[in-house]
PDB file of N, CA and C in Angstrom:
ATOM      1  N   MET A   1      80.095 -76.056 -43.506  1.00  0.00           N
ATOM      2  CA  MET A   1      79.556 -76.117 -44.850  1.00  0.00           C
ATOM      3  C   MET A   1      78.311 -76.909 -44.847  1.00  0.00           C
ATOM      4  N   VAL A   2      77.303 -76.374 -45.455  1.00  0.00           N
ATOM      5  CA  VAL A   2      75.978 -77.070 -45.488  1.00  0.00           C
ATOM      6  C   VAL A   2      75.845 -77.743 -46.835  1.00  0.00           C
ATOM      7  N   ILE A   3      75.531 -79.020 -46.773  1.00  0.00           N
ATOM      8  CA  ILE A   3      75.369 -79.872 -47.953  1.00  0.00           C
ATOM      9  C   ILE A   3      73.872 -79.769 -48.369  1.00  0.00           C
ATOM     10  N   PRO A   4      73.573 -79.312 -49.561  1.00  0.00           N
ATOM     11  CA  PRO A   4      72.144 -79.219 -50.009  1.00  0.00           C
ATOM     12  C   PRO A   4      71.563 -80.592 -50.181  1.00  0.00           C
ATOM     13  N   PRO A   5      70.208 -80.706 -50.073  1.00  0.00           N
ATOM     14  CA  PRO A   5      69.619 -82.049 -50.295  1.00  0.00           C
ATOM     15  C   PRO A   5      69.718 -82.416 -51.759  1.00  0.00           C
ATOM     16  N   PRO A   6      69.648 -83.709 -52.001  1.00  0.00           N
ATOM     17  CA  PRO A   6      69.786 -84.192 -53.424  1.00  0.00           C
ATOM     18  C   PRO A   6      68.583 -83.684 -54.233  1.00  0.00           C
ATOM     19  N   VAL A   7      68.765 -83.404 -55.516  1.00  0.00           N
ATOM     20  CA  VAL A   7      67.755 -82.953 -56.373  1.00  0.00           C
ATOM     21  C   VAL A   7      66.968 -84.157 -56.822  1.00  0.00           C
ATOM     22  N   ARG A   8      65.664 -84.144 -56.606  1.00  0.00           N
ATOM     23  CA  ARG A   8      64.840 -85.293 -57.000  1.00  0.00           C
ATOM     24  C   ARG A   8      64.101 -85.003 -58.265  1.00  0.00           C
ATOM     25  N   THR A   9      63.908 -85.998 -59.081  1.00  0.00           N
ATOM     26  CA  THR A   9      63.176 -85.778 -60.340  1.00  0.00           C
ATOM     27  C   THR A   9      61.698 -85.466 -59.974  1.00  0.00           C
ATOM     28  N   PRO A  10      61.006 -84.744 -60.927  1.00  0.00           N
ATOM     29  CA  PRO A  10      59.621 -84.461 -60.685  1.00  0.00           C
ATOM     30  C   PRO A  10      58.716 -85.666 -60.567  1.00  0.00           C
ATOM     31  N   ARG A  11      59.099 -86.727 -61.148  1.00  0.00           N
ATOM     32  CA  ARG A  11      58.332 -87.949 -61.084  1.00  0.00           C
ATOM     33  C   ARG A  11      58.260 -88.430 -59.643  1.00  0.00           C
ATOM     34  N   ILE A  12      59.366 -88.308 -58.929  1.00  0.00           N
ATOM     35  CA  ILE A  12      59.357 -88.755 -57.476  1.00  0.00           C
ATOM     36  C   ILE A  12      58.637 -87.753 -56.587  1.00  0.00           C
ATOM     37  N   THR A  13      58.897 -86.483 -56.777  1.00  0.00           N
ATOM     38  CA  THR A  13      58.282 -85.518 -55.914  1.00  0.00           C
ATOM     39  C   THR A  13      56.749 -85.399 -56.023  1.00  0.00           C
ATOM     40  N   ASN A  14      56.198 -85.890 -57.143  1.00  0.00           N
ATOM     41  CA  ASN A  14      54.791 -85.940 -57.285  1.00  0.00           C
ATOM     42  C   ASN A  14      54.095 -86.899 -56.349  1.00  0.00           C
ATOM     43  N   PHE A  15      54.815 -87.945 -55.953  1.00  0.00           N
ATOM     44  CA  PHE A  15      54.282 -88.946 -55.057  1.00  0.00           C
ATOM     45  C   PHE A  15      54.608 -88.741 -53.602  1.00  0.00           C
ATOM     46  N   LEU A  16      55.473 -87.782 -53.309  1.00  0.00           N
ATOM     47  CA  LEU A  16      55.814 -87.499 -51.937  1.00  0.00           C
ATOM     48  C   LEU A  16      54.713 -86.640 -51.281  1.00  0.00           C
ATOM     49  N   LYS A  17      54.517 -86.879 -49.993  1.00  0.00           N
ATOM     50  CA  LYS A  17      53.600 -86.013 -49.231  1.00  0.00           C
ATOM     51  C   LYS A  17      54.433 -84.762 -48.982  1.00  0.00           C
ATOM     52  N   PRO A  18      53.910 -83.578 -49.243  1.00  0.00           N
ATOM     53  CA  PRO A  18      54.704 -82.366 -49.090  1.00  0.00           C
ATOM     54  C   PRO A  18      55.155 -82.029 -47.671  1.00  0.00           C
ATOM     55  N   TYR A  19      54.266 -82.213 -46.709  1.00  0.00           N
ATOM     56  CA  TYR A  19      54.609 -81.887 -45.332  1.00  0.00           C
ATOM     57  C   TYR A  19      54.428 -83.132 -44.472  1.00  0.00           C
ATOM     58  N   VAL A  20      55.495 -83.543 -43.725  1.00  0.00           N
ATOM     59  CA  VAL A  20      55.407 -84.749 -42.948  1.00  0.00           C
ATOM     60  C   VAL A  20      55.625 -84.359 -41.450  1.00  0.00           C
ATOM     61  N   LEU A  21      54.810 -84.871 -40.582  1.00  0.00           N
ATOM     62  CA  LEU A  21      54.954 -84.645 -39.119  1.00  0.00           C
ATOM     63  C   LEU A  21      55.834 -85.761 -38.512  1.00  0.00           C
ATOM     64  N   LYS A  22      56.910 -85.373 -37.822  1.00  0.00           N
ATOM     65  CA  LYS A  22      57.784 -86.312 -37.142  1.00  0.00           C
ATOM     66  C   LYS A  22      57.774 -85.934 -35.696  1.00  0.00           C
ATOM     67  N   MET A  23      57.703 -86.920 -34.812  1.00  0.00           N
ATOM     68  CA  MET A  23      57.772 -86.697 -33.372  1.00  0.00           C
ATOM     69  C   MET A  23      58.879 -87.449 -32.728  1.00  0.00           C
ATOM     70  N   HIS A  24      59.455 -86.831 -31.705  1.00  0.00           N
ATOM     71  CA  HIS A  24      60.552 -87.492 -30.999  1.00  0.00           C
ATOM     72  C   HIS A  24      60.309 -87.258 -29.481  1.00  0.00           C
ATOM     73  N   PHE A  25      60.359 -88.324 -28.730  1.00  0.00           N
ATOM     74  CA  PHE A  25      60.120 -88.304 -27.309  1.00  0.00           C
ATOM     75  C   PHE A  25      61.377 -88.792 -26.590  1.00  0.00           C
ATOM     76  N   THR A  26      61.896 -87.943 -25.662  1.00  0.00           N
ATOM     77  CA  THR A  26      62.974 -88.384 -24.783  1.00  0.00           C
ATOM     78  C   THR A  26      62.430 -88.603 -23.430  1.00  0.00           C
ATOM     79  N   ASN A  27      63.319 -88.937 -22.484  1.00  0.00           N
ATOM     80  CA  ASN A  27      62.929 -89.140 -21.090  1.00  0.00           C
ATOM     81  C   ASN A  27      62.524 -87.791 -20.443  1.00  0.00           C
ATOM     82  N   ASN A  28      62.964 -86.650 -21.040  1.00  0.00           N
ATOM     83  CA  ASN A  28      62.718 -85.376 -20.408  1.00  0.00           C
ATOM     84  C   ASN A  28      61.832 -84.438 -21.254  1.00  0.00           C
ATOM     85  N   PHE A  29      61.846 -84.595 -22.552  1.00  0.00           N
ATOM     86  CA  PHE A  29      61.164 -83.608 -23.434  1.00  0.00           C
ATOM     87  C   PHE A  29      60.338 -84.270 -24.504  1.00  0.00           C
ATOM     88  N   VAL A  30      59.508 -83.442 -25.121  1.00  0.00           N
ATOM     89  CA  VAL A  30      58.668 -83.843 -26.274  1.00  0.00           C
ATOM     90  C   VAL A  30      59.017 -82.861 -27.394  1.00  0.00           C
ATOM     91  N   ASN A  31      59.322 -83.409 -28.547  1.00  0.00           N
ATOM     92  CA  ASN A  31      59.662 -82.622 -29.750  1.00  0.00           C
ATOM     93  C   ASN A  31      58.741 -83.054 -30.916  1.00  0.00           C
ATOM     94  N   ALA A  32      58.294 -82.059 -31.657  1.00  0.00           N
ATOM     95  CA  ALA A  32      57.550 -82.385 -32.875  1.00  0.00           C
ATOM     96  C   ALA A  32      57.960 -81.366 -33.935  1.00  0.00           C
ATOM     97  N   GLN A  33      58.064 -81.867 -35.126  1.00  0.00           N
ATOM     98  CA  GLN A  33      58.455 -80.972 -36.241  1.00  0.00           C
ATOM     99  C   GLN A  33      57.808 -81.434 -37.541  1.00  0.00           C
ATOM    100  N   VAL A  34      57.523 -80.413 -38.399  1.00  0.00           N
ATOM    101  CA  VAL A  34      56.932 -80.769 -39.644  1.00  0.00           C
ATOM    102  C   VAL A  34      57.995 -80.445 -40.737  1.00  0.00           C
ATOM    103  N   ILE A  35      58.231 -81.457 -41.613  1.00  0.00           N
ATOM    104  CA  ILE A  35      59.360 -81.348 -42.556  1.00  0.00           C
ATOM    105  C   ILE A  35      58.746 -81.223 -44.005  1.00  0.00           C
ATOM    106  N   HIS A  36      59.231 -80.306 -44.726  1.00  0.00           N
ATOM    107  CA  HIS A  36      58.864 -80.169 -46.161  1.00  0.00           C
ATOM    108  C   HIS A  36      59.699 -81.153 -46.927  1.00  0.00           C
ATOM    109  N   SER A  37      59.186 -82.294 -47.305  1.00  0.00           N
ATOM    110  CA  SER A  37      59.909 -83.373 -47.868  1.00  0.00           C
ATOM    111  C   SER A  37      60.604 -83.106 -49.218  1.00  0.00           C
ATOM    112  N   PRO A  38      60.033 -82.316 -50.134  1.00  0.00           N
ATOM    113  CA  PRO A  38      60.780 -82.092 -51.424  1.00  0.00           C
ATOM    114  C   PRO A  38      62.064 -81.368 -51.214  1.00  0.00           C
ATOM    115  N   THR A  39      62.112 -80.444 -50.254  1.00  0.00           N
ATOM    116  CA  THR A  39      63.375 -79.693 -50.018  1.00  0.00           C
ATOM    117  C   THR A  39      64.156 -80.164 -48.800  1.00  0.00           C
ATOM    118  N   ALA A  40      63.553 -81.086 -48.046  1.00  0.00           N
ATOM    119  CA  ALA A  40      64.225 -81.623 -46.826  1.00  0.00           C
ATOM    120  C   ALA A  40      64.556 -80.546 -45.859  1.00  0.00           C
ATOM    121  N   THR A  41      63.626 -79.606 -45.644  1.00  0.00           N
ATOM    122  CA  THR A  41      63.807 -78.581 -44.609  1.00  0.00           C
ATOM    123  C   THR A  41      62.718 -78.592 -43.611  1.00  0.00           C
ATOM    124  N   VAL A  42      62.962 -78.083 -42.416  1.00  0.00           N
ATOM    125  CA  VAL A  42      61.979 -78.013 -41.388  1.00  0.00           C
ATOM    126  C   VAL A  42      61.123 -76.801 -41.597  1.00  0.00           C
ATOM    127  N   ALA A  43      59.822 -77.096 -41.807  1.00  0.00           N
ATOM    128  CA  ALA A  43      58.830 -76.028 -42.027  1.00  0.00           C
ATOM    129  C   ALA A  43      58.390 -75.373 -40.751  1.00  0.00           C
ATOM    130  N   CYS A  44      58.270 -76.179 -39.685  1.00  0.00           N
ATOM    131  CA  CYS A  44      57.739 -75.665 -38.423  1.00  0.00           C
ATOM    132  C   CYS A  44      58.128 -76.675 -37.322  1.00  0.00           C
ATOM    133  N   SER A  45      58.315 -76.235 -36.155  1.00  0.00           N
ATOM    134  CA  SER A  45      58.608 -77.148 -35.017  1.00  0.00           C
ATOM    135  C   SER A  45      58.138 -76.575 -33.695  1.00  0.00           C
ATOM    136  N   ALA A  46      57.985 -77.485 -32.760  1.00  0.00           N
ATOM    137  CA  ALA A  46      57.591 -77.082 -31.378  1.00  0.00           C
ATOM    138  C   ALA A  46      58.250 -78.106 -30.484  1.00  0.00           C
ATOM    139  N   SER A  47      58.653 -77.638 -29.288  1.00  0.00           N
ATOM    140  CA  SER A  47      59.355 -78.495 -28.356  1.00  0.00           C
ATOM    141  C   SER A  47      59.056 -78.033 -26.924  1.00  0.00           C
ATOM    142  N   SER A  48      59.082 -78.958 -26.001  1.00  0.00           N
ATOM    143  CA  SER A  48      58.907 -78.598 -24.637  1.00  0.00           C
ATOM    144  C   SER A  48      60.124 -78.100 -24.041  1.00  0.00           C
ATOM    145  N   GLN A  49      61.248 -77.979 -24.787  1.00  0.00           N
ATOM    146  CA  GLN A  49      62.460 -77.375 -24.333  1.00  0.00           C
ATOM    147  C   GLN A  49      62.477 -75.867 -24.442  1.00  0.00           C
ATOM    148  N   GLU A  50      61.486 -75.266 -25.162  1.00  0.00           N
ATOM    149  CA  GLU A  50      61.430 -73.837 -25.327  1.00  0.00           C
ATOM    150  C   GLU A  50      61.223 -73.178 -23.955  1.00  0.00           C
ATOM    151  N   LYS A  51      62.002 -72.103 -23.790  1.00  0.00           N
ATOM    152  CA  LYS A  51      61.931 -71.413 -22.450  1.00  0.00           C
ATOM    153  C   LYS A  51      60.583 -70.794 -22.165  1.00  0.00           C
ATOM    154  N   ALA A  52      59.917 -70.314 -23.193  1.00  0.00           N
ATOM    155  CA  ALA A  52      58.603 -69.686 -22.974  1.00  0.00           C
ATOM    156  C   ALA A  52      57.556 -70.716 -22.523  1.00  0.00           C
ATOM    157  N   LEU A  53      57.694 -71.996 -22.958  1.00  0.00           N
ATOM    158  CA  LEU A  53      56.777 -73.042 -22.573  1.00  0.00           C
ATOM    159  C   LEU A  53      57.070 -73.718 -21.231  1.00  0.00           C
ATOM    160  N   ARG A  54      58.380 -73.730 -20.889  1.00  0.00           N
ATOM    161  CA  ARG A  54      58.725 -74.515 -19.666  1.00  0.00           C
ATOM    162  C   ARG A  54      58.081 -73.926 -18.429  1.00  0.00           C
ATOM    163  N   SER A  55      57.906 -72.595 -18.353  1.00  0.00           N
ATOM    164  CA  SER A  55      57.332 -71.993 -17.172  1.00  0.00           C
ATOM    165  C   SER A  55      55.852 -72.341 -17.023  1.00  0.00           C
ATOM    166  N   SER A  56      55.178 -72.523 -18.182  1.00  0.00           N
ATOM    167  CA  SER A  56      53.735 -72.774 -18.163  1.00  0.00           C
ATOM    168  C   SER A  56      53.398 -74.220 -17.977  1.00  0.00           C
ATOM    169  N   MET A  57      54.409 -75.102 -18.097  1.00  0.00           N
ATOM    170  CA  MET A  57      54.225 -76.533 -18.021  1.00  0.00           C
ATOM    171  C   MET A  57      54.580 -77.037 -16.593  1.00  0.00           C
ATOM    172  N   GLU A  58      53.822 -77.959 -16.117  1.00  0.00           N
ATOM    173  CA  GLU A  58      54.109 -78.597 -14.862  1.00  0.00           C
ATOM    174  C   GLU A  58      55.183 -79.643 -15.054  1.00  0.00           C
ATOM    175  N   ASN A  59      55.078 -80.418 -16.119  1.00  0.00           N
ATOM    176  CA  ASN A  59      56.015 -81.495 -16.507  1.00  0.00           C
ATOM    177  C   ASN A  59      56.254 -81.402 -17.960  1.00  0.00           C
ATOM    178  N   THR A  60      57.497 -81.579 -18.364  1.00  0.00           N
ATOM    179  CA  THR A  60      57.849 -81.424 -19.813  1.00  0.00           C
ATOM    180  C   THR A  60      57.857 -82.709 -20.594  1.00  0.00           C
ATOM    181  N   ARG A  61      57.415 -83.843 -19.955  1.00  0.00           N
ATOM    182  CA  ARG A  61      57.540 -85.082 -20.700  1.00  0.00           C
ATOM    183  C   ARG A  61      56.254 -85.919 -20.611  1.00  0.00           C
ATOM    184  N   ASP A  62      55.165 -85.444 -20.048  1.00  0.00           N
ATOM    185  CA  ASP A  62      53.983 -86.287 -19.921  1.00  0.00           C
ATOM    186  C   ASP A  62      52.991 -86.057 -21.081  1.00  0.00           C
ATOM    187  N   VAL A  63      51.842 -86.660 -20.987  1.00  0.00           N
ATOM    188  CA  VAL A  63      50.807 -86.564 -22.077  1.00  0.00           C
ATOM    189  C   VAL A  63      50.279 -85.141 -22.165  1.00  0.00           C
ATOM    190  N   ALA A  64      50.138 -84.459 -21.068  1.00  0.00           N
ATOM    191  CA  ALA A  64      49.659 -83.077 -21.114  1.00  0.00           C
ATOM    192  C   ALA A  64      50.633 -82.172 -21.839  1.00  0.00           C
ATOM    193  N   ALA A  65      51.916 -82.368 -21.645  1.00  0.00           N
ATOM    194  CA  ALA A  65      52.899 -81.586 -22.352  1.00  0.00           C
ATOM    195  C   ALA A  65      52.840 -81.919 -23.899  1.00  0.00           C
ATOM    196  N   ALA A  66      52.610 -83.202 -24.229  1.00  0.00           N
ATOM    197  CA  ALA A  66      52.539 -83.573 -25.629  1.00  0.00           C
ATOM    198  C   ALA A  66      51.293 -82.881 -26.258  1.00  0.00           C
ATOM    199  N   ALA A  67      50.214 -82.836 -25.557  1.00  0.00           N
ATOM    200  CA  ALA A  67      49.000 -82.178 -26.072  1.00  0.00           C
ATOM    201  C   ALA A  67      49.237 -80.709 -26.281  1.00  0.00           C
ATOM    202  N   LYS A  68      49.949 -80.028 -25.334  1.00  0.00           N
ATOM    203  CA  LYS A  68      50.271 -78.627 -25.504  1.00  0.00           C
ATOM    204  C   LYS A  68      51.204 -78.389 -26.687  1.00  0.00           C
ATOM    205  N   ILE A  69      52.164 -79.262 -26.943  1.00  0.00           N
ATOM    206  CA  ILE A  69      53.060 -79.146 -28.063  1.00  0.00           C
ATOM    207  C   ILE A  69      52.346 -79.307 -29.304  1.00  0.00           C
ATOM    208  N   GLY A  70      51.380 -80.237 -29.437  1.00  0.00           N
ATOM    209  CA  GLY A  70      50.585 -80.440 -30.634  1.00  0.00           C
ATOM    210  C   GLY A  70      49.728 -79.190 -30.928  1.00  0.00           C
ATOM    211  N   LYS A  71      49.149 -78.642 -29.902  1.00  0.00           N
ATOM    212  CA  LYS A  71      48.291 -77.402 -30.089  1.00  0.00           C
ATOM    213  C   LYS A  71      49.148 -76.291 -30.550  1.00  0.00           C
ATOM    214  N   LEU A  72      50.264 -76.078 -29.978  1.00  0.00           N
ATOM    215  CA  LEU A  72      51.190 -75.009 -30.394  1.00  0.00           C
ATOM    216  C   LEU A  72      51.662 -75.207 -31.819  1.00  0.00           C
ATOM    217  N   LEU A  73      52.007 -76.446 -32.190  1.00  0.00           N
ATOM    218  CA  LEU A  73      52.480 -76.697 -33.517  1.00  0.00           C
ATOM    219  C   LEU A  73      51.367 -76.469 -34.525  1.00  0.00           C
ATOM    220  N   GLY A  74      50.113 -76.826 -34.188  1.00  0.00           N
ATOM    221  CA  GLY A  74      49.009 -76.568 -35.078  1.00  0.00           C
ATOM    222  C   GLY A  74      48.790 -75.123 -35.299  1.00  0.00           C
ATOM    223  N   GLU A  75      48.884 -74.318 -34.271  1.00  0.00           N
ATOM    224  CA  GLU A  75      48.764 -72.838 -34.403  1.00  0.00           C
ATOM    225  C   GLU A  75      49.871 -72.266 -35.302  1.00  0.00           C
ATOM    226  N   ARG A  76      51.074 -72.779 -35.124  1.00  0.00           N
ATOM    227  CA  ARG A  76      52.197 -72.311 -35.943  1.00  0.00           C
ATOM    228  C   ARG A  76      52.038 -72.727 -37.430  1.00  0.00           C
ATOM    229  N   LEU A  77      51.533 -73.914 -37.636  1.00  0.00           N
ATOM    230  CA  LEU A  77      51.289 -74.370 -39.002  1.00  0.00           C
ATOM    231  C   LEU A  77      50.227 -73.526 -39.735  1.00  0.00           C
ATOM    232  N   LEU A  78      49.150 -73.253 -39.012  1.00  0.00           N
ATOM    233  CA  LEU A  78      48.113 -72.401 -39.593  1.00  0.00           C
ATOM    234  C   LEU A  78      48.630 -71.005 -39.853  1.00  0.00           C
ATOM    235  N   TYR A  79      49.467 -70.483 -38.987  1.00  0.00           N
ATOM    236  CA  TYR A  79      49.996 -69.154 -39.192  1.00  0.00           C
ATOM    237  C   TYR A  79      50.891 -69.098 -40.468  1.00  0.00           C
ATOM    238  N   LYS A  80      51.588 -70.206 -40.753  1.00  0.00           N
ATOM    239  CA  LYS A  80      52.407 -70.346 -41.936  1.00  0.00           C
ATOM    240  C   LYS A  80      51.641 -70.785 -43.155  1.00  0.00           C
ATOM    241  N   LYS A  81      50.307 -70.913 -42.991  1.00  0.00           N
ATOM    242  CA  LYS A  81      49.389 -71.291 -44.091  1.00  0.00           C
ATOM    243  C   LYS A  81      49.745 -72.726 -44.609  1.00  0.00           C
ATOM    244  N   ILE A  82      49.931 -73.663 -43.682  1.00  0.00           N
ATOM    245  CA  ILE A  82      50.097 -75.081 -44.019  1.00  0.00           C
ATOM    246  C   ILE A  82      48.860 -75.772 -43.528  1.00  0.00           C
ATOM    247  N   PRO A  83      47.912 -76.101 -44.352  1.00  0.00           N
ATOM    248  CA  PRO A  83      46.614 -76.614 -43.858  1.00  0.00           C
ATOM    249  C   PRO A  83      46.631 -78.104 -43.581  1.00  0.00           C
ATOM    250  N   ALA A  84      47.483 -78.872 -44.253  1.00  0.00           N
ATOM    251  CA  ALA A  84      47.467 -80.339 -44.132  1.00  0.00           C
ATOM    252  C   ALA A  84      48.851 -80.881 -43.900  1.00  0.00           C
ATOM    253  N   VAL A  85      48.903 -82.043 -43.166  1.00  0.00           N
ATOM    254  CA  VAL A  85      50.164 -82.656 -42.806  1.00  0.00           C
ATOM    255  C   VAL A  85      49.997 -84.153 -42.860  1.00  0.00           C
ATOM    256  N   SER A  86      51.006 -84.821 -43.330  1.00  0.00           N
ATOM    257  CA  SER A  86      50.971 -86.288 -43.276  1.00  0.00           C
ATOM    258  C   SER A  86      51.788 -86.743 -42.037  1.00  0.00           C
ATOM    259  N   VAL A  87      51.313 -87.867 -41.418  1.00  0.00           N
ATOM    260  CA  VAL A  87      51.957 -88.297 -40.194  1.00  0.00           C
ATOM    261  C   VAL A  87      52.880 -89.441 -40.512  1.00  0.00           C
ATOM    262  N   SER A  88      54.142 -89.383 -40.024  1.00  0.00           N
ATOM    263  CA  SER A  88      55.076 -90.468 -40.204  1.00  0.00           C
ATOM    264  C   SER A  88      55.441 -90.998 -38.813  1.00  0.00           C
ATOM    265  N   LEU A  89      55.036 -92.245 -38.545  1.00  0.00           N
ATOM    266  CA  LEU A  89      55.297 -92.863 -37.223  1.00  0.00           C
ATOM    267  C   LEU A  89      56.461 -93.857 -37.375  1.00  0.00           C
ATOM    268  N   LYS A  90      57.336 -93.849 -36.426  1.00  0.00           N
ATOM    269  CA  LYS A  90      58.393 -94.871 -36.382  1.00  0.00           C
ATOM    270  C   LYS A  90      57.788 -96.229 -36.066  1.00  0.00           C
ATOM    271  N   ARG A  91      58.599 -97.222 -36.293  1.00  0.00           N
ATOM    272  CA  ARG A  91      58.105 -98.594 -36.107  1.00  0.00           C
ATOM    273  C   ARG A  91      57.619 -98.844 -34.670  1.00  0.00           C
ATOM    274  N   GLU A  92      58.322 -98.271 -33.691  1.00  0.00           N
ATOM    275  CA  GLU A  92      57.920 -98.544 -32.254  1.00  0.00           C
ATOM    276  C   GLU A  92      56.834 -97.649 -31.746  1.00  0.00           C
ATOM    277  N   GLN A  93      56.478 -96.644 -32.591  1.00  0.00           N
ATOM    278  CA  GLN A  93      55.423 -95.678 -32.122  1.00  0.00           C
ATOM    279  C   GLN A  93      54.081 -96.171 -32.483  1.00  0.00           C
ATOM    280  N   LYS A  94      53.216 -96.276 -31.503  1.00  0.00           N
ATOM    281  CA  LYS A  94      51.849 -96.709 -31.692  1.00  0.00           C
ATOM    282  C   LYS A  94      50.946 -95.483 -31.482  1.00  0.00           C
ATOM    283  N   TYR A  95      49.718 -95.527 -32.047  1.00  0.00           N
ATOM    284  CA  TYR A  95      48.759 -94.414 -31.837  1.00  0.00           C
ATOM    285  C   TYR A  95      48.202 -94.559 -30.439  1.00  0.00           C
ATOM    286  N   HIS A  96      48.988 -94.115 -29.425  1.00  0.00           N
ATOM    287  CA  HIS A  96      48.590 -94.292 -28.056  1.00  0.00           C
ATOM    288  C   HIS A  96      49.407 -93.344 -27.260  1.00  0.00           C
ATOM    289  N   GLY A  97      48.874 -92.815 -26.125  1.00  0.00           N
ATOM    290  CA  GLY A  97      49.626 -92.010 -25.198  1.00  0.00           C
ATOM    291  C   GLY A  97      50.039 -90.667 -25.770  1.00  0.00           C
ATOM    292  N   LYS A  98      51.351 -90.422 -25.775  1.00  0.00           N
ATOM    293  CA  LYS A  98      51.840 -89.090 -26.215  1.00  0.00           C
ATOM    294  C   LYS A  98      51.662 -88.881 -27.694  1.00  0.00           C
ATOM    295  N   VAL A  99      51.815 -89.898 -28.499  1.00  0.00           N
ATOM    296  CA  VAL A  99      51.587 -89.783 -29.925  1.00  0.00           C
ATOM    297  C   VAL A  99      50.168 -89.414 -30.224  1.00  0.00           C
ATOM    298  N   LYS A 100      49.246 -90.035 -29.522  1.00  0.00           N
ATOM    299  CA  LYS A 100      47.809 -89.758 -29.731  1.00  0.00           C
ATOM    300  C   LYS A 100      47.523 -88.326 -29.295  1.00  0.00           C
ATOM    301  N   ALA A 101      48.149 -87.877 -28.173  1.00  0.00           N
ATOM    302  CA  ALA A 101      47.875 -86.509 -27.681  1.00  0.00           C
ATOM    303  C   ALA A 101      48.363 -85.466 -28.678  1.00  0.00           C
ATOM    304  N   VAL A 102      49.505 -85.715 -29.308  1.00  0.00           N
ATOM    305  CA  VAL A 102      50.046 -84.675 -30.251  1.00  0.00           C
ATOM    306  C   VAL A 102      49.102 -84.690 -31.473  1.00  0.00           C
ATOM    307  N   ILE A 103      48.786 -85.830 -32.022  1.00  0.00           N
ATOM    308  CA  ILE A 103      48.001 -85.924 -33.204  1.00  0.00           C
ATOM    309  C   ILE A 103      46.581 -85.348 -33.003  1.00  0.00           C
ATOM    310  N   ASP A 104      45.934 -85.706 -31.898  1.00  0.00           N
ATOM    311  CA  ASP A 104      44.635 -85.208 -31.632  1.00  0.00           C
ATOM    312  C   ASP A 104      44.530 -83.690 -31.376  1.00  0.00           C
ATOM    313  N   SER A 105      45.536 -83.156 -30.686  1.00  0.00           N
ATOM    314  CA  SER A 105      45.584 -81.699 -30.535  1.00  0.00           C
ATOM    315  C   SER A 105      45.886 -80.969 -31.797  1.00  0.00           C
ATOM    316  N   LEU A 106      46.609 -81.581 -32.750  1.00  0.00           N
ATOM    317  CA  LEU A 106      46.839 -81.002 -34.061  1.00  0.00           C
ATOM    318  C   LEU A 106      45.497 -80.897 -34.827  1.00  0.00           C
ATOM    319  N   ARG A 107      44.721 -82.029 -34.711  1.00  0.00           N
ATOM    320  CA  ARG A 107      43.363 -82.020 -35.380  1.00  0.00           C
ATOM    321  C   ARG A 107      42.480 -80.973 -34.814  1.00  0.00           C
ATOM    322  N   GLU A 108      42.476 -80.836 -33.464  1.00  0.00           N
ATOM    323  CA  GLU A 108      41.647 -79.822 -32.757  1.00  0.00           C
ATOM    324  C   GLU A 108      42.048 -78.415 -33.138  1.00  0.00           C
ATOM    325  N   ALA A 109      43.342 -78.168 -33.457  1.00  0.00           N
ATOM    326  CA  ALA A 109      43.836 -76.866 -33.800  1.00  0.00           C
ATOM    327  C   ALA A 109      43.379 -76.459 -35.227  1.00  0.00           C
ATOM    328  N   GLY A 110      42.933 -77.440 -36.018  1.00  0.00           N
ATOM    329  CA  GLY A 110      42.459 -77.143 -37.365  1.00  0.00           C
ATOM    330  C   GLY A 110      43.316 -77.615 -38.534  1.00  0.00           C
ATOM    331  N   VAL A 111      44.341 -78.429 -38.218  1.00  0.00           N
ATOM    332  CA  VAL A 111      45.164 -78.957 -39.260  1.00  0.00           C
ATOM    333  C   VAL A 111      44.629 -80.291 -39.731  1.00  0.00           C
ATOM    334  N   LYS A 112      44.532 -80.491 -41.015  1.00  0.00           N
ATOM    335  CA  LYS A 112      44.027 -81.778 -41.530  1.00  0.00           C
ATOM    336  C   LYS A 112      45.182 -82.778 -41.669  1.00  0.00           C
ATOM    337  N   LEU A 113      44.865 -84.014 -41.377  1.00  0.00           N
ATOM    338  CA  LEU A 113      45.908 -85.089 -41.449  1.00  0.00           C
ATOM    339  C   LEU A 113      45.638 -85.932 -42.621  1.00  0.00           C
ATOM    340  N   LEU A 114      46.672 -86.201 -43.372  1.00  0.00           N
ATOM    341  CA  LEU A 114      46.575 -87.041 -44.620  1.00  0.00           C
ATOM    342  C   LEU A 114      46.910 -88.465 -44.346  1.00  0.00           C
TER     343      LEU A 114
END
C-alpha cells in the first residue's frame, strides 16, 4: 500500500523550491535524483548502478563517474523540460570532489541552479 504525501497548504508550497537535487554517495556507487517537492515524487534520477552506464565507466565511484552522472542527469532534466534545480546538500557534504563534479556537470549540461 502506498501512502500519499501529506497535502500542504498553498501558503507553504509557494515558498518551496519546486525541484530539489539530492545526491547520495556510497563506497561503490554515485546516485543523484531530482525531487519535485510539492508532490514528494522523484522527477528524474541517474545512478552509476545502471547497466547501460557500467560498461562505459572505468570506475563507478570516483569523481569522473560523478561528472558523468551529473551530465546524464542534466540531459534527462532538459528532456523532461525542467530548466532549473535547487541544490540540497547534507550537513557533511561540502562543495568539493564528487559533489562539485555533479553540480558543475549539471551546469555544463544547461540546467540552471537556484
